[in-house]
Amino acid sequence: MPKKVPEIVAAVDLGSNSFHMIICSYHNGSLQIIDRLKEMVRLAAGLDKKNLLDIKTQERALSCLERFSQRLRDVPPGNVRVVGTNTLRTAKNAPQFLLLAEQALNHPIHIISGIEEARLIYMGVAYSLGGNGNKRFVMDIGGGSTECIIGTGNTPLKKESLNMGCVSMSNQFFKDGRLSKSAFTQATLFAEQRLEPFEKDYHSKHWQEAIGASGSLRSIAKVLQAKNWSNNGITRDGLEQLVAYMSQCNHVNELNLPELDDERLPVFVGGVAIVYAVFKSLKIEQMTISDGALREGLVLDLLGRLYDDDIRSTTVNALAERYHTDQEHAARIQQTIANMLTQLGIDTPLFTNNTVVQFLNWAAALHEIGMDIAHSQYHKHSAYIIENGDLAGFSSQDQKILATVVKAHRRKFSKTNFSDLPTPWDEQGIFLSVILRLAVVLHRNRYEHTLLDFKVNLVKNKIRLHFSKDYLLQLPLTHADLIQEADYLKSAGFKLEFS
């Protein structure tokens, strides 16, 4: 449990169409939204043919984040979660933009995968709707991607993220707002092709209710209801009437649709094409709209972290089990790491918080998963799985940090492998790997007995290990391993001494 119950928590979603922020109060297990901010930034529209985010769009986004920052000023840093989605996954210059964005917002920003986005969306929807036992199909249309999830209660069972969104579809098929029946047919066919590999698993026969969770779907539902084409959310018949109406128009400015915001107008038709394709492909007749979505899911996920119910730990345990790791051996390494961190205390260049402990424990649990693929170079296989897998709860940055630490836990050790990590991990990741390396070396014999007491000291780049009298004489292999480890660390500028 946290030392102090967080009364205020916030989530910011840097979407491809809109930037959203919600601020919530949390009392006695109850979540209340006390403020919402939304700005239509249209990040996806700023991507050029080379997938570079243009300067004008960056400036628009940074101005928005500066305004968001003013509202977050009184929220403790640990109580804020900020994520970027499809466009920031795609943009080749995203790292450069993120440096500026984090300065503007004054909070770290994490890029999440489409599958992680789908998981968080489902969490937000499930929380807002409560449980009724039905199997649900949940859909969220963003500016650059569309997430589809099937789940029961609070548990997502299938998750997919499709590379199409209301902004990207509008730019591709309805450039400059031009409309035609032919263009809409092409857009729908494009979306159906994207859906084709998942059509069987997501067909309406596999679930009882369909839920929509995004601005695009909410806008479509409002328009259908205002036109009396639907009386409850989005219906297949209502969509058919909307599509027929739009096919008579030559430009989005001709659309005379009540309840359609001017800001939504340029990307509205692209969203309709995606919804229409999904209804056709999956044989959906009706979809209701949820208030909860990604932002609410982010808040719930953040609260889980604050209250020691971190989904990332569950993910690590499942991954270790899936790849048949020696979990007792990993536990002994974790125990030794805990012993070392306790001794090193505040004089080391490490964070003195739970984050370091978490990452080291996760690294210890997963450092051998690559053995299930091949024993040779297994540390590289382990790192590949960690960095490229769909790991629930982890951002792309989290996975890269963990993968880098794991990859560096044996054999040659180079500081340059950490240079691509976000600050401060580019420096602190090095010391995490050194601690993991030492713990692994000391347990290389894999004996079940607990390691005898030892003393460890780390000052700058000098590491000192001191064992009880005659301990290394009784274990000549461990002595030889430490001599070899000293040689590996020397190449990275560390001096390891032991006695």
Protein backbone atom coordinates (compact mmCIF):
# COMPACT_ATOMS: atom_id res chain seq x y z
CA MET A 1 0.00 0.00 0.00
CA PRO A 2 1.20 3.56 -0.59
CA LYS A 3 2.36 5.58 2.41
CA LYS A 4 -0.33 8.14 1.71
CA VAL A 5 -3.65 7.47 0.04
CA PRO A 6 -3.73 9.41 -3.26
CA GLU A 7 -6.70 11.78 -3.19
CA ILE A 8 -6.13 13.09 -6.71
CA VAL A 9 -4.98 11.11 -9.75
CA ALA A 10 -4.78 12.14 -13.40
CA ALA A 11 -4.39 10.53 -16.82
CA VAL A 12 -3.38 12.12 -20.12
CA ASP A 13 -3.91 10.42 -23.48
CA LEU A 14 -1.95 11.87 -26.41
CA GLY A 15 -4.16 10.44 -29.13
CA SER A 16 -3.74 10.71 -32.88
CA ASN A 17 -6.83 12.91 -33.15
CA SER A 18 -7.37 14.47 -29.73
CA PHE A 19 -5.39 15.01 -26.55
CA HIS A 20 -7.45 14.14 -23.47
CA MET A 21 -6.90 14.63 -19.76
CA ILE A 22 -9.02 13.56 -16.83
CA ILE A 23 -8.45 14.40 -13.18
CA CYS A 24 -10.16 12.22 -10.60
CA SER A 25 -10.67 12.16 -6.86
CA TYR A 26 -10.33 8.82 -5.11
CA HIS A 27 -12.05 8.26 -1.79
CA ASN A 28 -12.91 4.98 -0.09
CA GLY A 29 -12.45 2.97 -3.27
CA SER A 30 -14.69 5.27 -5.31
CA LEU A 31 -13.47 7.15 -8.39
CA GLN A 32 -15.03 10.50 -9.27
CA ILE A 33 -14.05 12.53 -12.33
CA ILE A 34 -13.64 16.14 -11.22
CA ASP A 35 -12.28 17.63 -14.44
CA ARG A 36 -11.93 16.79 -18.13
CA LEU A 37 -9.92 18.59 -20.79
CA LYS A 38 -9.87 17.80 -24.49
CA GLU A 39 -8.24 19.46 -27.45
CA MET A 40 -8.48 18.35 -31.09
CA VAL A 41 -4.76 18.41 -31.93
CA ARG A 42 -4.95 16.11 -34.99
CA LEU A 43 -1.48 14.69 -34.48
CA ALA A 44 -1.95 12.07 -37.22
CA ALA A 45 -2.64 14.79 -39.80
CA GLY A 46 0.89 16.09 -39.21
CA LEU A 47 2.61 12.93 -40.46
CA ASP A 48 4.20 13.35 -43.87
CA LYS A 49 4.93 10.62 -46.42
CA LYS A 50 8.16 9.78 -44.60
CA ASN A 51 6.30 9.43 -41.27
CA LEU A 52 7.86 12.58 -39.86
CA LEU A 53 5.75 14.82 -37.64
CA ASP A 54 5.74 18.33 -39.11
CA ILE A 55 6.77 21.40 -37.12
CA LYS A 56 3.36 23.11 -37.24
CA THR A 57 1.63 20.05 -35.71
CA GLN A 58 4.36 19.73 -33.09
CA GLU A 59 3.87 23.36 -32.09
CA ARG A 60 0.11 22.85 -31.82
CA ALA A 61 0.65 19.79 -29.63
CA LEU A 62 3.21 21.49 -27.38
CA SER A 63 0.89 24.46 -26.82
CA CYS A 64 -1.84 22.06 -25.74
CA LEU A 65 0.51 20.27 -23.34
CA GLU A 66 1.56 23.56 -21.77
CA ARG A 67 -2.09 24.27 -21.02
CA PHE A 68 -2.55 20.77 -19.60
CA SER A 69 0.54 21.31 -17.45
CA GLN A 70 -1.06 24.29 -15.70
CA ARG A 71 -3.97 22.09 -14.60
CA LEU A 72 -1.63 19.33 -13.39
CA ARG A 73 0.53 21.66 -11.34
CA ASP A 74 -0.99 20.63 -8.01
CA VAL A 75 -1.16 16.88 -8.74
CA PRO A 76 1.77 14.88 -7.24
CA PRO A 77 4.06 13.54 -10.02
CA GLY A 78 3.55 9.92 -8.99
CA ASN A 79 -0.20 10.33 -9.38
CA VAL A 80 -0.09 11.21 -13.10
CA ARG A 81 0.07 8.76 -16.01
CA VAL A 82 0.69 10.02 -19.56
CA VAL A 83 0.69 7.83 -22.67
CA GLY A 84 1.12 8.31 -26.41
CA THR A 85 -0.60 6.08 -28.97
CA ASN A 86 -0.56 5.33 -32.70
CA THR A 87 0.96 8.46 -34.20
CA LEU A 88 3.75 8.55 -31.62
CA ARG A 89 4.32 4.85 -32.28
CA THR A 90 4.65 5.64 -35.99
CA ALA A 91 6.49 8.96 -36.18
CA LYS A 92 10.20 8.52 -36.89
CA ASN A 93 11.00 11.76 -35.08
CA ALA A 94 8.88 10.87 -32.04
CA PRO A 95 11.91 10.67 -29.67
CA GLN A 96 12.87 14.28 -30.49
CA PHE A 97 9.27 15.46 -30.09
CA LEU A 98 8.86 13.59 -26.79
CA LEU A 99 11.79 15.46 -25.24
CA LEU A 100 10.00 18.74 -25.93
CA ALA A 101 6.61 17.33 -24.96
CA GLU A 102 7.85 16.13 -21.56
CA GLN A 103 9.31 19.58 -20.89
CA ALA A 104 6.02 21.23 -21.83
CA LEU A 105 3.90 18.88 -19.73
CA ASN A 106 6.46 18.47 -16.95
CA HIS A 107 5.69 14.72 -16.74
CA PRO A 108 7.19 11.64 -18.39
CA ILE A 109 5.35 10.31 -21.44
CA HIS A 110 5.21 6.60 -22.23
CA ILE A 111 4.41 5.17 -25.65
CA ILE A 112 2.13 2.14 -25.46
CA SER A 113 1.55 -0.58 -28.04
CA GLY A 114 -1.79 -1.01 -29.77
CA ILE A 115 -2.44 -4.19 -27.77
CA GLU A 116 -1.73 -2.38 -24.49
CA GLU A 117 -4.00 0.43 -25.64
CA ALA A 118 -6.74 -2.15 -26.25
CA ARG A 119 -6.30 -3.59 -22.74
CA LEU A 120 -6.58 -0.15 -21.12
CA ILE A 121 -9.63 0.76 -23.23
CA TYR A 122 -11.37 -2.40 -22.08
CA MET A 123 -10.53 -1.61 -18.44
CA GLY A 124 -12.16 1.82 -18.79
CA VAL A 125 -15.24 0.43 -20.51
CA ALA A 126 -15.67 -2.42 -18.01
CA TYR A 127 -15.41 -0.01 -15.07
CA SER A 128 -17.98 2.40 -16.53
CA LEU A 129 -20.49 -0.34 -17.37
CA GLY A 130 -20.08 -2.65 -14.38
CA GLY A 131 -20.45 -6.39 -14.67
CA ASN A 132 -23.45 -8.24 -16.09
CA GLY A 133 -21.80 -11.52 -17.10
CA ASN A 134 -22.23 -10.90 -20.82
CA LYS A 135 -19.37 -11.41 -23.25
CA ARG A 136 -18.68 -8.01 -24.82
CA PHE A 137 -17.22 -6.77 -28.06
CA VAL A 138 -15.59 -3.37 -27.44
CA MET A 139 -14.45 -1.06 -30.21
CA ASP A 140 -12.54 2.23 -30.04
CA ILE A 141 -11.71 4.34 -33.11
CA GLY A 142 -8.77 6.66 -32.64
CA GLY A 143 -7.14 9.03 -35.08
CA GLY A 144 -4.63 6.47 -36.33
CA SER A 145 -5.75 3.06 -35.05
CA THR A 146 -8.86 1.09 -34.18
CA GLU A 147 -8.87 -1.26 -31.20
CA CYS A 148 -11.16 -4.29 -30.98
CA ILE A 149 -11.53 -6.33 -27.80
CA ILE A 150 -13.67 -9.22 -26.63
CA GLY A 151 -13.97 -9.67 -22.88
CA THR A 152 -16.09 -10.79 -19.96
CA GLY A 153 -16.48 -8.72 -16.81
CA ASN A 154 -13.16 -6.97 -16.13
CA THR A 155 -11.13 -9.45 -18.19
CA PRO A 156 -10.18 -8.87 -21.85
CA LEU A 157 -9.99 -12.20 -23.66
CA LYS A 158 -8.94 -11.12 -27.18
CA LYS A 159 -7.26 -7.86 -28.17
CA GLU A 160 -6.36 -6.42 -31.56
CA SER A 161 -5.17 -3.05 -32.82
CA LEU A 162 -5.79 -2.26 -36.49
CA ASN A 163 -3.75 0.36 -38.31
CA MET A 164 -6.61 2.58 -39.43
CA GLY A 165 -8.24 5.55 -37.74
CA CYS A 166 -10.61 8.41 -38.45
CA VAL A 167 -7.79 10.84 -39.31
CA SER A 168 -5.71 8.48 -41.44
CA MET A 169 -8.81 7.19 -43.30
CA SER A 170 -10.09 10.71 -43.94
CA ASN A 171 -6.70 11.85 -45.24
CA GLN A 172 -6.34 8.82 -47.49
CA PHE A 173 -9.81 8.56 -49.02
CA PHE A 174 -11.50 11.95 -48.45
CA LYS A 175 -8.62 14.36 -49.03
CA ASP A 176 -9.50 18.03 -48.51
CA GLY A 177 -13.00 16.95 -47.47
CA ARG A 178 -14.05 15.72 -50.91
CA LEU A 179 -16.79 13.06 -50.85
CA SER A 180 -18.06 10.54 -53.40
CA LYS A 181 -19.82 7.22 -53.36
CA SER A 182 -16.80 5.62 -55.00
CA ALA A 183 -14.38 6.97 -52.37
CA PHE A 184 -16.60 5.71 -49.55
CA THR A 185 -16.80 2.26 -51.17
CA GLN A 186 -13.00 2.16 -51.44
CA ALA A 187 -12.57 3.27 -47.82
CA THR A 188 -15.00 0.61 -46.60
CA LEU A 189 -13.25 -2.09 -48.63
CA PHE A 190 -9.88 -0.97 -47.23
CA ALA A 191 -11.23 -1.30 -43.67
CA GLU A 192 -12.78 -4.69 -44.43
CA GLN A 193 -9.42 -5.92 -45.68
CA ARG A 194 -7.82 -4.82 -42.40
CA LEU A 195 -10.53 -6.72 -40.52
CA GLU A 196 -10.42 -9.86 -42.65
CA PRO A 197 -7.80 -11.83 -40.60
CA PHE A 198 -9.85 -11.30 -37.42
CA GLU A 199 -13.35 -11.62 -38.83
CA LYS A 200 -13.85 -15.23 -37.70
CA ASP A 201 -12.74 -14.72 -34.08
CA TYR A 202 -14.63 -11.43 -33.62
CA HIS A 203 -17.87 -12.41 -35.35
CA SER A 204 -21.02 -11.43 -33.47
CA LYS A 205 -21.84 -15.07 -32.71
CA HIS A 206 -18.97 -15.04 -30.17
CA TRP A 207 -20.39 -12.30 -27.89
CA GLN A 208 -23.68 -10.88 -26.58
CA GLU A 209 -23.29 -7.10 -26.73
CA ALA A 210 -21.27 -4.52 -28.70
CA ILE A 211 -19.89 -1.41 -27.00
CA GLY A 212 -18.37 1.67 -28.64
CA ALA A 213 -15.84 3.80 -26.77
CA SER A 214 -14.49 6.82 -28.61
CA GLY A 215 -15.31 10.30 -29.83
CA SER A 216 -15.96 9.04 -33.36
CA LEU A 217 -18.48 6.45 -32.21
CA ARG A 218 -20.11 8.89 -29.80
CA SER A 219 -20.49 11.47 -32.60
CA ILE A 220 -22.02 8.91 -34.96
CA ALA A 221 -24.48 7.79 -32.29
CA LYS A 222 -25.52 11.40 -31.58
CA VAL A 223 -26.06 12.11 -35.29
CA LEU A 224 -28.13 8.95 -35.79
CA GLN A 225 -30.31 9.74 -32.79
CA ALA A 226 -30.79 13.39 -33.80
CA LYS A 227 -31.87 12.29 -37.30
CA ASN A 228 -34.18 9.61 -35.83
CA TRP A 229 -32.20 6.96 -37.70
CA SER A 230 -31.51 5.17 -34.43
CA ASN A 231 -33.00 5.36 -30.95
CA ASN A 232 -30.28 3.54 -29.00
CA GLY A 233 -26.63 3.96 -29.93
CA ILE A 234 -25.60 2.88 -33.43
CA THR A 235 -27.69 0.47 -35.50
CA ARG A 236 -27.03 -1.21 -38.82
CA ASP A 237 -30.15 0.38 -40.32
CA GLY A 238 -29.12 3.81 -39.05
CA LEU A 239 -25.66 3.46 -40.57
CA GLU A 240 -27.17 2.49 -43.92
CA GLN A 241 -29.25 5.69 -43.92
CA LEU A 242 -26.24 7.81 -42.91
CA VAL A 243 -24.07 6.29 -45.66
CA ALA A 244 -26.82 6.83 -48.25
CA TYR A 245 -27.12 10.48 -47.19
CA MET A 246 -23.35 11.10 -47.31
CA SER A 247 -23.12 9.52 -50.77
CA GLN A 248 -25.26 12.37 -52.11
CA CYS A 249 -22.78 15.00 -50.92
CA ASN A 250 -19.64 16.18 -52.70
CA HIS A 251 -17.87 17.75 -49.71
CA VAL A 252 -17.93 17.42 -45.93
CA ASN A 253 -19.07 21.06 -45.70
CA GLU A 254 -22.34 19.99 -47.35
CA LEU A 255 -23.14 17.61 -44.53
CA ASN A 256 -26.10 19.00 -42.65
CA LEU A 257 -26.05 16.72 -39.63
CA PRO A 258 -27.37 17.89 -36.25
CA GLU A 259 -25.15 17.23 -33.20
CA LEU A 260 -22.01 17.03 -35.36
CA ASP A 261 -19.32 19.38 -34.03
CA ASP A 262 -17.41 21.49 -36.53
CA GLU A 263 -14.14 20.15 -35.09
CA ARG A 264 -15.23 16.57 -35.77
CA LEU A 265 -16.41 17.30 -39.33
CA PRO A 266 -13.06 16.81 -41.19
CA VAL A 267 -12.58 13.27 -39.79
CA PHE A 268 -16.20 12.20 -39.40
CA VAL A 269 -16.55 10.35 -42.71
CA GLY A 270 -13.35 8.36 -42.14
CA GLY A 271 -14.79 7.18 -38.81
CA VAL A 272 -18.12 6.26 -40.42
CA ALA A 273 -16.32 4.15 -43.05
CA ILE A 274 -14.54 2.16 -40.31
CA VAL A 275 -17.73 1.61 -38.31
CA TYR A 276 -19.68 0.62 -41.40
CA ALA A 277 -16.99 -1.92 -42.36
CA VAL A 278 -16.93 -3.38 -38.84
CA PHE A 279 -20.72 -3.73 -38.74
CA LYS A 280 -20.70 -5.46 -42.15
CA SER A 281 -17.75 -7.77 -41.47
CA LEU A 282 -18.74 -8.86 -37.97
CA LYS A 283 -22.50 -8.90 -38.63
CA ILE A 284 -23.29 -6.35 -35.92
CA GLU A 285 -26.85 -5.02 -35.66
CA GLN A 286 -26.50 -2.60 -32.73
CA MET A 287 -23.77 -0.96 -30.64
CA THR A 288 -24.27 1.05 -27.45
CA ILE A 289 -21.83 3.77 -26.35
CA SER A 290 -19.73 3.75 -23.18
CA ASP A 291 -18.55 6.82 -21.27
CA GLY A 292 -15.40 5.01 -20.16
CA ALA A 293 -12.40 4.54 -22.46
CA LEU A 294 -8.60 4.80 -22.47
CA ARG A 295 -8.33 7.65 -19.93
CA GLU A 296 -10.40 5.81 -17.32
CA GLY A 297 -8.39 2.66 -17.97
CA LEU A 298 -5.17 4.60 -17.39
CA VAL A 299 -6.42 5.90 -14.05
CA LEU A 300 -7.46 2.43 -12.92
CA ASP A 301 -4.11 1.00 -14.01
CA LEU A 302 -2.29 3.77 -12.13
CA LEU A 303 -4.30 3.07 -8.98
CA GLY A 304 -3.33 -0.60 -9.28
CA ARG A 305 0.33 0.41 -9.28
CA LEU A 306 -0.15 2.71 -6.30
CA TYR A 307 -1.92 -0.03 -4.33
CA ASP A 308 0.52 -2.87 -5.02
CA ASP A 309 -1.69 -4.51 -7.63
CA ASP A 310 0.60 -3.85 -10.58
CA ILE A 311 -0.49 -5.78 -13.69
CA ARG A 312 3.14 -5.76 -14.83
CA SER A 313 4.13 -8.15 -12.04
CA THR A 314 1.32 -10.49 -13.05
CA THR A 315 2.57 -10.32 -16.65
CA VAL A 316 6.14 -11.16 -15.60
CA ASN A 317 4.98 -14.16 -13.55
CA ALA A 318 2.91 -15.47 -16.47
CA LEU A 319 5.82 -15.01 -18.90
CA ALA A 320 8.25 -16.81 -16.58
CA GLU A 321 5.83 -19.71 -16.29
CA ARG A 322 5.17 -19.81 -20.03
CA TYR A 323 8.89 -20.11 -20.79
CA HIS A 324 9.49 -22.71 -18.08
CA THR A 325 12.04 -20.78 -16.05
CA ASP A 326 13.58 -22.11 -12.82
CA GLN A 327 11.53 -19.91 -10.52
CA GLU A 328 13.26 -21.09 -7.34
CA HIS A 329 16.60 -20.08 -8.83
CA ALA A 330 15.15 -16.68 -9.81
CA ALA A 331 13.83 -16.23 -6.26
CA ARG A 332 17.32 -16.83 -4.83
CA ILE A 333 18.73 -14.21 -7.19
CA GLN A 334 16.00 -11.78 -6.14
CA GLN A 335 16.84 -12.40 -2.48
CA THR A 336 20.51 -11.62 -3.13
CA ILE A 337 19.58 -8.47 -5.07
CA ALA A 338 17.44 -7.31 -2.14
CA ASN A 339 20.39 -7.94 0.21
CA MET A 340 22.69 -5.90 -2.04
CA LEU A 341 20.25 -2.97 -2.40
CA THR A 342 19.77 -2.84 1.37
CA GLN A 343 23.53 -2.61 1.89
CA LEU A 344 24.12 -0.10 -0.89
CA GLY A 345 21.48 2.30 0.42
CA ILE A 346 21.37 5.94 -0.64
CA ASP A 347 25.03 6.30 -1.56
CA THR A 348 24.59 4.58 -4.92
CA PRO A 349 23.59 6.33 -8.17
CA LEU A 350 20.25 4.47 -8.12
CA PHE A 351 16.72 5.60 -7.38
CA THR A 352 15.86 4.81 -3.80
CA ASN A 353 12.31 3.84 -4.66
CA ASN A 354 10.26 0.83 -5.63
CA THR A 355 10.88 1.32 -9.35
CA VAL A 356 14.45 0.04 -9.17
CA VAL A 357 13.44 -2.90 -7.00
CA GLN A 358 10.62 -3.75 -9.41
CA PHE A 359 12.79 -3.69 -12.52
CA LEU A 360 15.54 -5.75 -10.89
CA ASN A 361 13.05 -8.33 -9.64
CA TRP A 362 11.43 -8.53 -13.07
CA ALA A 363 14.84 -8.88 -14.71
CA ALA A 364 15.78 -11.69 -12.30
CA ALA A 365 12.49 -13.46 -13.03
CA LEU A 366 12.89 -13.22 -16.82
CA HIS A 367 16.63 -13.33 -17.48
CA GLU A 368 16.51 -17.01 -18.48
CA ILE A 369 13.30 -17.15 -20.55
CA GLY A 370 15.42 -17.29 -23.71
CA MET A 371 16.66 -20.76 -22.69
CA ASP A 372 13.33 -22.11 -23.87
CA ILE A 373 14.42 -21.12 -27.39
CA ALA A 374 18.14 -21.96 -27.27
CA HIS A 375 20.82 -22.21 -24.59
CA SER A 376 23.41 -20.54 -26.79
CA GLN A 377 23.17 -16.75 -26.48
CA TYR A 378 20.03 -17.21 -24.37
CA HIS A 379 20.36 -13.70 -22.87
CA LYS A 380 19.80 -12.24 -26.36
CA HIS A 381 16.71 -14.40 -26.88
CA SER A 382 15.39 -13.31 -23.47
CA ALA A 383 15.88 -9.64 -24.35
CA TYR A 384 14.18 -10.05 -27.74
CA ILE A 385 11.07 -11.63 -26.18
CA ILE A 386 10.86 -8.91 -23.54
CA GLU A 387 11.31 -6.01 -25.96
CA ASN A 388 8.99 -7.31 -28.69
CA GLY A 389 6.29 -9.21 -26.81
CA ASP A 390 2.80 -7.95 -25.96
CA LEU A 391 3.40 -7.45 -22.24
CA ALA A 392 0.30 -6.18 -20.43
CA GLY A 393 0.96 -3.06 -18.37
CA PHE A 394 4.34 -2.28 -19.90
CA SER A 395 5.02 0.72 -22.09
CA SER A 396 7.46 0.47 -24.98
CA GLN A 397 10.03 2.31 -22.85
CA ASP A 398 9.49 -0.09 -19.92
CA GLN A 399 10.09 -3.08 -22.19
CA LYS A 400 13.23 -1.58 -23.70
CA ILE A 401 14.68 -0.80 -20.25
CA LEU A 402 13.96 -4.30 -18.98
CA ALA A 403 15.25 -5.94 -22.17
CA THR A 404 18.49 -3.94 -22.06
CA VAL A 405 19.18 -4.86 -18.43
CA VAL A 406 18.48 -8.54 -19.14
CA LYS A 407 20.60 -8.60 -22.29
CA ALA A 408 23.56 -7.16 -20.35
CA HIS A 409 23.39 -9.67 -17.48
CA ARG A 410 26.16 -11.95 -18.81
CA ARG A 411 29.18 -12.12 -21.10
CA LYS A 412 30.54 -8.88 -22.58
CA PHE A 413 29.37 -5.68 -20.93
CA SER A 414 29.28 -2.33 -22.72
CA LYS A 415 27.87 0.97 -21.47
CA THR A 416 26.97 1.98 -25.04
CA ASN A 417 24.09 -0.53 -24.98
CA PHE A 418 22.30 1.81 -22.55
CA SER A 419 22.73 5.05 -24.50
CA ASP A 420 19.36 4.74 -26.27
CA LEU A 421 17.39 4.41 -23.02
CA PRO A 422 15.35 7.40 -21.78
CA THR A 423 16.83 9.57 -19.04
CA PRO A 424 17.68 8.65 -16.26
CA TRP A 425 17.76 4.99 -17.27
CA ASP A 426 20.60 5.59 -19.73
CA GLU A 427 22.84 5.90 -16.65
CA GLN A 428 20.96 3.99 -13.98
CA GLY A 429 20.33 0.96 -16.19
CA ILE A 430 24.07 0.34 -16.20
CA PHE A 431 24.14 -0.02 -12.41
CA LEU A 432 21.02 -2.19 -12.44
CA SER A 433 22.75 -4.57 -14.84
CA VAL A 434 25.90 -4.65 -12.67
CA ILE A 435 23.82 -5.66 -9.64
CA LEU A 436 21.95 -8.31 -11.66
CA ARG A 437 25.24 -9.64 -13.09
CA LEU A 438 26.78 -10.04 -9.65
CA ALA A 439 23.70 -11.78 -8.25
CA VAL A 440 23.64 -14.19 -11.21
CA VAL A 441 27.36 -14.96 -10.87
CA LEU A 442 27.04 -15.68 -7.15
CA HIS A 443 24.27 -18.20 -7.90
CA ARG A 444 25.79 -19.72 -11.02
CA ASN A 445 26.25 -23.09 -9.30
CA ARG A 446 22.45 -23.13 -8.80
CA TYR A 447 22.79 -24.82 -5.40
CA GLU A 448 19.64 -24.63 -3.35
CA HIS A 449 21.33 -23.39 -0.20
CA THR A 450 21.03 -19.72 0.66
CA LEU A 451 24.10 -17.67 -0.16
CA LEU A 452 26.26 -16.97 2.89
CA ASP A 453 26.43 -13.45 4.18
CA PHE A 454 28.63 -11.08 2.23
CA LYS A 455 29.32 -7.39 2.21
CA VAL A 456 29.04 -5.21 -0.89
CA ASN A 457 30.18 -1.66 -1.47
CA LEU A 458 29.85 0.49 -4.59
CA VAL A 459 31.61 3.83 -4.85
CA LYS A 460 31.53 5.46 -8.27
CA ASN A 461 32.75 2.63 -10.55
CA LYS A 462 34.50 0.57 -7.88
CA ILE A 463 32.72 -2.52 -6.52
CA ARG A 464 33.95 -4.36 -3.46
CA LEU A 465 32.67 -7.81 -2.33
CA HIS A 466 33.77 -9.28 0.99
CA PHE A 467 32.90 -12.85 2.01
CA SER A 468 33.35 -14.71 5.26
CA LYS A 469 36.74 -16.35 5.92
CA ASP A 470 37.69 -19.17 3.53
CA TYR A 471 34.35 -18.93 1.65
CA LEU A 472 35.94 -18.54 -1.79
CA LEU A 473 38.53 -21.22 -1.00
CA GLN A 474 35.65 -23.67 -0.51
CA LEU A 475 34.06 -22.63 -3.81
CA PRO A 476 36.85 -22.38 -6.39
CA LEU A 477 34.38 -22.23 -9.30
CA THR A 478 32.67 -19.16 -7.81
CA HIS A 479 36.13 -17.65 -7.33
CA ALA A 480 36.95 -18.32 -10.99
CA ASP A 481 33.58 -16.87 -12.07
CA LEU A 482 34.29 -13.66 -10.13
CA ILE A 483 37.73 -13.35 -11.74
CA GLN A 484 36.08 -13.64 -15.17
CA GLU A 485 33.34 -11.18 -14.19
CA ALA A 486 35.98 -8.67 -13.06
CA ASP A 487 37.48 -8.88 -16.53
CA TYR A 488 34.08 -8.31 -18.20
CA LEU A 489 33.33 -5.30 -15.98
CA LYS A 490 36.80 -3.83 -16.49
CA SER A 491 36.04 -3.32 -20.19
CA ALA A 492 33.09 -1.13 -19.15
CA GLY A 493 35.16 0.95 -16.73
CA PHE A 494 34.22 -0.87 -13.50
CA LYS A 495 36.72 -2.30 -11.04
CA LEU A 496 35.52 -5.39 -9.19
CA GLU A 497 37.47 -6.48 -6.11
CA PHE A 498 36.62 -9.42 -3.84
CA SER A 499 38.08 -11.26 -0.90
